[in-house]
N, C-alpha and C. Protein backbone atom coordinates (compact mmCIF):
# COMPACT_ATOMS: atom_id res chain seq x y z
N MET A 1 -14.27 67.94 -73.48
CA MET A 1 -14.12 66.25 -73.53
C MET A 1 -13.64 65.94 -71.80
N THR A 2 -12.59 66.45 -71.52
CA THR A 2 -12.29 65.75 -69.91
C THR A 2 -13.41 66.38 -69.20
N ASN A 3 -14.07 67.55 -69.06
CA ASN A 3 -15.08 67.79 -68.01
C ASN A 3 -16.10 66.95 -68.31
N PHE A 4 -16.66 66.59 -69.56
CA PHE A 4 -17.61 65.84 -69.87
C PHE A 4 -17.65 64.26 -69.20
N LYS A 5 -16.41 63.77 -69.63
CA LYS A 5 -15.88 62.54 -69.08
C LYS A 5 -16.10 62.56 -67.60
N PHE A 6 -15.42 63.51 -66.83
CA PHE A 6 -15.32 63.37 -65.20
C PHE A 6 -16.97 63.33 -64.94
N SER A 7 -17.75 64.26 -65.28
CA SER A 7 -19.20 64.36 -65.00
C SER A 7 -19.77 62.85 -65.24
N LEU A 8 -19.29 62.29 -66.27
CA LEU A 8 -20.28 61.26 -66.48
C LEU A 8 -19.59 59.93 -65.56
N LEU A 9 -18.59 60.06 -65.38
CA LEU A 9 -17.84 59.23 -64.41
C LEU A 9 -18.23 59.58 -62.80
N ALA A 10 -18.24 60.53 -62.52
CA ALA A 10 -18.73 60.99 -61.11
C ALA A 10 -20.23 60.61 -60.94
N CYS A 11 -21.33 60.92 -62.10
CA CYS A 11 -22.56 60.63 -62.30
C CYS A 11 -22.75 58.70 -61.82
N SER A 12 -21.82 58.40 -62.27
CA SER A 12 -21.97 56.59 -62.55
C SER A 12 -21.63 55.99 -61.14
N ILE A 13 -20.35 56.82 -60.62
CA ILE A 13 -20.07 56.38 -59.35
C ILE A 13 -21.06 56.85 -58.16
N ALA A 14 -21.61 57.78 -58.48
CA ALA A 14 -22.60 58.37 -57.31
C ALA A 14 -24.06 57.45 -57.36
N PHE A 15 -24.31 57.07 -58.74
CA PHE A 15 -25.29 56.37 -58.74
C PHE A 15 -25.13 54.97 -58.15
N ALA A 16 -24.05 54.40 -58.60
CA ALA A 16 -23.80 52.91 -57.92
C ALA A 16 -23.27 52.89 -56.25
N LEU A 17 -22.82 54.04 -56.04
CA LEU A 17 -22.62 54.01 -54.42
C LEU A 17 -24.40 54.40 -53.73
N ASN A 18 -24.91 55.06 -54.46
CA ASN A 18 -26.52 55.20 -53.93
C ASN A 18 -27.13 53.69 -53.86
N ALA A 19 -26.82 53.05 -55.12
CA ALA A 19 -27.71 51.85 -55.20
C ALA A 19 -27.05 50.94 -54.26
N SER A 20 -25.89 50.74 -54.16
CA SER A 20 -25.30 49.80 -53.24
C SER A 20 -25.43 50.14 -51.78
N THR A 21 -25.45 51.59 -51.18
CA THR A 21 -25.90 51.70 -50.05
C THR A 21 -27.39 51.64 -49.59
N ALA A 22 -28.18 51.99 -51.05
CA ALA A 22 -29.35 51.65 -50.68
C ALA A 22 -29.97 50.16 -50.32
N TYR A 23 -29.22 49.64 -51.05
CA TYR A 23 -29.44 47.94 -50.87
C TYR A 23 -28.88 47.44 -49.54
N ALA A 24 -27.82 47.77 -49.19
CA ALA A 24 -26.88 47.23 -47.91
C ALA A 24 -27.80 47.76 -46.64
N ALA A 25 -28.65 49.02 -46.95
CA ALA A 25 -29.15 49.53 -45.54
C ALA A 25 -30.35 48.73 -45.43
N GLN A 26 -31.15 48.41 -46.36
CA GLN A 26 -32.48 47.90 -45.76
C GLN A 26 -32.51 46.28 -46.98
N PRO A 27 -31.52 45.31 -46.63
CA PRO A 27 -31.80 44.08 -46.97
C PRO A 27 -32.99 43.06 -46.87
N THR A 28 -33.32 43.51 -45.57
CA THR A 28 -34.57 42.71 -45.26
C THR A 28 -35.87 43.47 -45.19
N ASN A 29 -35.91 44.60 -45.96
CA ASN A 29 -37.26 45.33 -46.33
C ASN A 29 -37.97 44.87 -47.39
N GLN A 30 -37.03 43.89 -48.35
CA GLN A 30 -37.44 42.95 -49.77
C GLN A 30 -38.70 42.84 -49.14
N PRO A 31 -39.61 42.39 -49.87
CA PRO A 31 -40.89 41.80 -49.35
C PRO A 31 -40.63 40.19 -50.13
N THR A 32 -39.67 39.99 -50.98
CA THR A 32 -39.32 38.27 -51.37
C THR A 32 -38.55 37.78 -50.27
N ASN A 33 -37.73 38.47 -49.54
CA ASN A 33 -36.75 38.06 -48.36
C ASN A 33 -37.78 37.57 -47.31
N GLN A 34 -38.78 38.05 -47.00
CA GLN A 34 -39.69 37.68 -45.69
C GLN A 34 -41.08 37.79 -46.34
N PRO A 35 -41.13 36.52 -46.86
CA PRO A 35 -42.66 36.05 -47.21
C PRO A 35 -43.89 36.17 -46.27
N THR A 36 -43.28 36.06 -44.81
CA THR A 36 -44.18 36.01 -43.61
C THR A 36 -44.23 37.62 -43.30
N ASN A 37 -43.52 38.38 -43.27
CA ASN A 37 -43.72 39.82 -43.11
C ASN A 37 -43.23 40.00 -41.29
N GLN A 38 -42.50 39.43 -40.87
CA GLN A 38 -42.64 39.31 -39.39
C GLN A 38 -41.47 40.03 -38.62
N PRO A 39 -41.62 41.57 -38.36
CA PRO A 39 -40.55 42.48 -37.82
C PRO A 39 -39.88 41.67 -36.73
N THR A 40 -40.69 40.75 -35.87
CA THR A 40 -40.03 40.76 -34.63
C THR A 40 -38.84 39.42 -34.72
N ASN A 41 -38.66 38.88 -35.91
CA ASN A 41 -37.64 37.97 -36.15
C ASN A 41 -36.40 38.53 -36.37
N GLN A 42 -36.26 39.98 -36.60
CA GLN A 42 -34.97 41.09 -36.90
C GLN A 42 -34.82 41.54 -35.49
N PRO A 43 -33.66 41.11 -35.06
CA PRO A 43 -33.13 41.81 -33.50
C PRO A 43 -33.27 43.19 -33.94
N ARG A 44 -32.85 43.60 -34.97
CA ARG A 44 -32.64 45.18 -35.19
C ARG A 44 -33.77 45.87 -35.14
């Protein structure tokens, strides 16, 4: 039971970290944030 809880917790934490990092790494690549889609506006 403990091993199952630990694996479930680890999976949920890994999924949350992956989703948060993927969103934080590319917030400007969303098509809804840039309707004009001009890469020259971003200094990055």
